[in-house]
Amino acid sequence: MKRALIILSLLVVPSCALAGQAPIAVSTSDRCGAGHRGCVPQLVREFMHVGYTLLPETSSATVSQYAHACASRPDWRQLCLADPATVLSRLGLTSED
């Protein structure tokens, strides 16, 4: 029985490869989630990195809100880099949140 399964697997696997099926694509950071939902834009990821660097004791939820605010408001971007605490206060948050 074991030998029959091995022979069957050797016959089935190559036939799938010869059937013209495309290989499974590996997900990248630009292609994530079902229908590409749930992806974070590159600018938000960059501001999240800035937030984790400049606000090391802050929760990830607060850093995420900071990053989304900085990415979506071009007029805040210099302030986001220079004074992240002011940006948090504009959002009604503190670094302890």
N, C-alpha and C. Protein backbone atom coordinates (compact mmCIF):
# COMPACT_ATOMS: atom_id res chain seq x y z
N MET A 1 0.82 -1.20 0.00
CA MET A 1 0.00 0.00 0.00
C MET A 1 0.87 1.27 0.00
N LYS A 2 1.90 1.23 0.82
CA LYS A 2 2.79 2.38 0.91
C LYS A 2 3.48 2.62 -0.44
N ARG A 3 3.89 1.55 -1.08
CA ARG A 3 4.56 1.66 -2.37
C ARG A 3 3.61 2.22 -3.43
N ALA A 4 2.34 1.84 -3.36
CA ALA A 4 1.34 2.33 -4.31
C ALA A 4 1.13 3.83 -4.15
N LEU A 5 1.13 4.31 -2.91
CA LEU A 5 0.98 5.75 -2.66
C LEU A 5 2.18 6.53 -3.19
N ILE A 6 3.36 5.99 -3.01
CA ILE A 6 4.56 6.67 -3.51
C ILE A 6 4.53 6.75 -5.03
N ILE A 7 4.17 5.64 -5.68
CA ILE A 7 4.09 5.64 -7.15
C ILE A 7 3.02 6.60 -7.63
N LEU A 8 1.88 6.60 -6.95
CA LEU A 8 0.80 7.51 -7.32
C LEU A 8 1.24 8.97 -7.17
N SER A 9 1.95 9.29 -6.09
CA SER A 9 2.39 10.67 -5.89
C SER A 9 3.41 11.08 -6.95
N LEU A 10 4.23 10.14 -7.39
CA LEU A 10 5.19 10.45 -8.45
C LEU A 10 4.51 10.70 -9.79
N LEU A 11 3.37 10.07 -10.00
CA LEU A 11 2.64 10.26 -11.24
C LEU A 11 1.78 11.52 -11.23
N VAL A 12 1.20 11.85 -10.08
CA VAL A 12 0.28 12.98 -9.97
C VAL A 12 1.02 14.31 -9.95
N VAL A 13 2.08 14.42 -9.18
CA VAL A 13 2.79 15.68 -9.04
C VAL A 13 3.34 16.18 -10.37
N PRO A 14 4.04 15.36 -11.15
CA PRO A 14 4.52 15.88 -12.44
C PRO A 14 3.39 16.21 -13.41
N SER A 15 2.27 15.50 -13.33
CA SER A 15 1.18 15.80 -14.25
C SER A 15 0.60 17.18 -13.96
N CYS A 16 0.60 17.61 -12.71
CA CYS A 16 0.13 18.97 -12.39
C CYS A 16 1.09 20.01 -12.96
N ALA A 17 2.38 19.70 -12.91
CA ALA A 17 3.36 20.64 -13.44
C ALA A 17 3.25 20.75 -14.95
N LEU A 18 2.92 19.63 -15.62
CA LEU A 18 2.81 19.64 -17.07
C LEU A 18 1.48 20.19 -17.55
N ALA A 19 0.53 20.36 -16.65
CA ALA A 19 -0.80 20.82 -17.03
C ALA A 19 -0.84 22.32 -17.29
N GLY A 20 0.28 23.00 -17.13
CA GLY A 20 0.33 24.42 -17.42
C GLY A 20 -0.13 25.30 -16.27
N GLN A 21 -0.17 24.75 -15.09
CA GLN A 21 -0.58 25.55 -13.94
C GLN A 21 0.55 26.47 -13.54
N ALA A 22 0.18 27.68 -13.23
CA ALA A 22 1.18 28.66 -12.82
C ALA A 22 1.63 28.37 -11.39
N PRO A 23 2.88 28.61 -11.10
CA PRO A 23 3.34 28.41 -9.72
C PRO A 23 2.66 29.42 -8.79
N ILE A 24 2.58 29.08 -7.54
CA ILE A 24 1.97 29.96 -6.55
C ILE A 24 2.87 31.16 -6.34
N ALA A 25 2.30 32.34 -6.45
CA ALA A 25 3.08 33.57 -6.29
C ALA A 25 3.37 33.81 -4.82
N VAL A 26 4.56 34.26 -4.55
CA VAL A 26 4.97 34.58 -3.19
C VAL A 26 4.50 35.99 -2.88
N SER A 27 3.88 36.15 -1.73
CA SER A 27 3.37 37.46 -1.34
C SER A 27 4.51 38.40 -1.00
N THR A 28 4.38 39.65 -1.39
CA THR A 28 5.35 40.67 -1.03
C THR A 28 4.65 41.73 -0.19
N SER A 29 5.39 42.69 0.29
CA SER A 29 4.79 43.72 1.13
C SER A 29 3.83 44.62 0.34
N ASP A 30 3.99 44.68 -0.98
CA ASP A 30 3.09 45.49 -1.80
C ASP A 30 1.83 44.73 -2.18
N ARG A 31 1.85 43.41 -2.05
CA ARG A 31 0.70 42.58 -2.38
C ARG A 31 0.37 41.76 -1.15
N CYS A 32 -0.56 42.24 -0.35
CA CYS A 32 -0.88 41.52 0.87
C CYS A 32 -2.39 41.48 1.07
N GLY A 33 -2.84 40.51 1.78
CA GLY A 33 -4.25 40.39 2.10
C GLY A 33 -5.10 39.96 0.93
N ALA A 34 -6.32 39.61 1.22
CA ALA A 34 -7.27 39.19 0.19
C ALA A 34 -7.64 40.39 -0.65
N GLY A 35 -7.41 40.31 -1.92
CA GLY A 35 -7.72 41.43 -2.82
C GLY A 35 -6.86 42.65 -2.55
N HIS A 36 -5.69 42.43 -1.97
CA HIS A 36 -4.75 43.49 -1.63
C HIS A 36 -5.31 44.45 -0.59
N ARG A 37 -6.25 44.00 0.22
CA ARG A 37 -6.76 44.82 1.31
C ARG A 37 -5.89 44.59 2.54
N GLY A 38 -5.77 45.59 3.36
CA GLY A 38 -4.96 45.47 4.56
C GLY A 38 -3.51 45.87 4.37
N CYS A 39 -3.16 46.31 3.18
CA CYS A 39 -1.79 46.74 2.92
C CYS A 39 -1.58 48.15 3.47
N VAL A 40 -0.40 48.39 3.94
CA VAL A 40 -0.05 49.72 4.43
C VAL A 40 0.81 50.38 3.37
N PRO A 41 0.44 51.59 2.93
CA PRO A 41 1.24 52.29 1.92
C PRO A 41 2.67 52.54 2.41
N GLN A 42 3.58 52.68 1.49
CA GLN A 42 4.99 52.86 1.80
C GLN A 42 5.22 54.09 2.68
N LEU A 43 4.53 55.20 2.41
CA LEU A 43 4.74 56.42 3.20
C LEU A 43 4.31 56.20 4.66
N VAL A 44 3.23 55.47 4.88
CA VAL A 44 2.80 55.17 6.24
C VAL A 44 3.84 54.29 6.92
N ARG A 45 4.38 53.30 6.21
CA ARG A 45 5.43 52.45 6.79
C ARG A 45 6.65 53.26 7.18
N GLU A 46 7.00 54.25 6.35
CA GLU A 46 8.16 55.09 6.67
C GLU A 46 7.89 55.92 7.92
N PHE A 47 6.69 56.49 8.04
CA PHE A 47 6.38 57.26 9.24
C PHE A 47 6.21 56.36 10.47
N MET A 48 5.83 55.12 10.29
CA MET A 48 5.79 54.20 11.42
C MET A 48 7.21 53.94 11.93
N HIS A 49 8.14 53.80 11.00
CA HIS A 49 9.54 53.64 11.40
C HIS A 49 10.03 54.88 12.15
N VAL A 50 9.69 56.05 11.63
CA VAL A 50 10.06 57.31 12.31
C VAL A 50 9.42 57.36 13.69
N GLY A 51 8.15 56.98 13.78
CA GLY A 51 7.45 57.00 15.06
C GLY A 51 8.07 56.07 16.08
N TYR A 52 8.41 54.86 15.66
CA TYR A 52 9.05 53.93 16.59
C TYR A 52 10.43 54.41 17.01
N THR A 53 11.10 55.17 16.13
CA THR A 53 12.42 55.69 16.47
C THR A 53 12.32 56.90 17.41
N LEU A 54 11.43 57.85 17.09
CA LEU A 54 11.32 59.07 17.88
C LEU A 54 10.44 58.93 19.11
N LEU A 55 9.57 57.94 19.12
CA LEU A 55 8.65 57.72 20.25
C LEU A 55 8.80 56.27 20.74
N PRO A 56 9.96 55.92 21.29
CA PRO A 56 10.23 54.52 21.59
C PRO A 56 9.35 53.90 22.68
N GLU A 57 8.81 54.68 23.57
CA GLU A 57 7.99 54.15 24.66
C GLU A 57 6.50 54.21 24.36
N THR A 58 6.14 54.52 23.13
CA THR A 58 4.75 54.70 22.74
C THR A 58 4.18 53.39 22.22
N SER A 59 2.88 53.19 22.44
CA SER A 59 2.23 51.96 21.98
C SER A 59 2.18 51.91 20.45
N SER A 60 2.06 50.71 19.93
CA SER A 60 2.02 50.56 18.48
C SER A 60 0.75 51.17 17.89
N ALA A 61 -0.35 51.17 18.64
CA ALA A 61 -1.59 51.79 18.15
C ALA A 61 -1.41 53.30 18.00
N THR A 62 -0.75 53.92 18.96
CA THR A 62 -0.50 55.35 18.90
C THR A 62 0.46 55.69 17.76
N VAL A 63 1.50 54.89 17.60
CA VAL A 63 2.45 55.11 16.50
C VAL A 63 1.74 54.95 15.16
N SER A 64 0.83 54.01 15.07
CA SER A 64 0.08 53.80 13.83
C SER A 64 -0.78 55.02 13.51
N GLN A 65 -1.45 55.57 14.51
CA GLN A 65 -2.26 56.77 14.28
C GLN A 65 -1.38 57.95 13.88
N TYR A 66 -0.23 58.08 14.53
CA TYR A 66 0.74 59.12 14.18
C TYR A 66 1.17 58.97 12.72
N ALA A 67 1.51 57.75 12.32
CA ALA A 67 2.01 57.50 10.96
C ALA A 67 0.94 57.79 9.91
N HIS A 68 -0.28 57.37 10.17
CA HIS A 68 -1.36 57.64 9.21
C HIS A 68 -1.65 59.14 9.11
N ALA A 69 -1.59 59.84 10.24
CA ALA A 69 -1.82 61.29 10.21
C ALA A 69 -0.71 62.00 9.43
N CYS A 70 0.52 61.61 9.67
CA CYS A 70 1.65 62.25 8.98
C CYS A 70 1.64 61.96 7.48
N ALA A 71 1.24 60.75 7.12
CA ALA A 71 1.22 60.39 5.70
C ALA A 71 0.06 61.05 4.96
N SER A 72 -1.05 61.28 5.66
CA SER A 72 -2.22 61.82 4.99
C SER A 72 -2.29 63.34 5.01
N ARG A 73 -1.45 63.99 5.79
CA ARG A 73 -1.46 65.46 5.89
C ARG A 73 -0.09 66.01 5.49
N PRO A 74 0.08 66.37 4.24
CA PRO A 74 1.39 66.86 3.78
C PRO A 74 1.88 68.09 4.55
N ASP A 75 0.95 68.93 5.02
CA ASP A 75 1.37 70.13 5.74
C ASP A 75 1.91 69.81 7.13
N TRP A 76 1.72 68.60 7.64
CA TRP A 76 2.24 68.21 8.95
C TRP A 76 3.59 67.50 8.86
N ARG A 77 4.04 67.16 7.70
CA ARG A 77 5.19 66.25 7.57
C ARG A 77 6.45 66.78 8.22
N GLN A 78 6.74 68.06 8.07
CA GLN A 78 7.94 68.62 8.72
C GLN A 78 7.79 68.56 10.24
N LEU A 79 6.60 68.86 10.72
CA LEU A 79 6.34 68.79 12.16
C LEU A 79 6.44 67.35 12.66
N CYS A 80 6.00 66.41 11.85
CA CYS A 80 6.09 64.99 12.23
C CYS A 80 7.53 64.57 12.48
N LEU A 81 8.44 65.11 11.69
CA LEU A 81 9.85 64.78 11.85
C LEU A 81 10.52 65.59 12.95
N ALA A 82 10.09 66.83 13.13
CA ALA A 82 10.73 67.71 14.10
C ALA A 82 10.17 67.57 15.52
N ASP A 83 8.85 67.40 15.64
CA ASP A 83 8.23 67.38 16.97
C ASP A 83 7.03 66.43 17.00
N PRO A 84 7.30 65.15 17.12
CA PRO A 84 6.20 64.18 17.09
C PRO A 84 5.23 64.32 18.27
N ALA A 85 5.70 64.85 19.39
CA ALA A 85 4.81 65.04 20.55
C ALA A 85 3.71 66.05 20.23
N THR A 86 4.02 67.07 19.45
CA THR A 86 3.01 68.05 19.05
C THR A 86 1.98 67.40 18.13
N VAL A 87 2.44 66.54 17.25
CA VAL A 87 1.52 65.84 16.36
C VAL A 87 0.58 64.96 17.18
N LEU A 88 1.12 64.26 18.17
CA LEU A 88 0.26 63.43 19.04
C LEU A 88 -0.76 64.28 19.78
N SER A 89 -0.34 65.45 20.25
CA SER A 89 -1.31 66.31 20.95
C SER A 89 -2.38 66.83 20.01
N ARG A 90 -2.04 67.09 18.77
CA ARG A 90 -3.05 67.49 17.78
C ARG A 90 -4.08 66.38 17.55
N LEU A 91 -3.62 65.14 17.68
CA LEU A 91 -4.50 63.98 17.51
C LEU A 91 -5.25 63.63 18.80
N GLY A 92 -4.95 64.36 19.87
CA GLY A 92 -5.58 64.08 21.15
C GLY A 92 -4.95 62.89 21.87
N LEU A 93 -3.70 62.62 21.56
CA LEU A 93 -2.99 61.48 22.15
C LEU A 93 -1.77 61.96 22.91
N THR A 94 -1.23 61.09 23.73
CA THR A 94 0.06 61.34 24.39
C THR A 94 0.96 60.14 24.12
N SER A 95 2.22 60.30 24.45
CA SER A 95 3.15 59.19 24.22
C SER A 95 2.90 58.05 25.20
N GLU A 96 2.12 58.29 26.24
CA GLU A 96 1.76 57.24 27.20
C GLU A 96 0.56 56.43 26.76
N ASP A 97 -0.16 56.89 25.73
CA ASP A 97 -1.35 56.15 25.27
C ASP A 97 -0.98 54.85 24.62
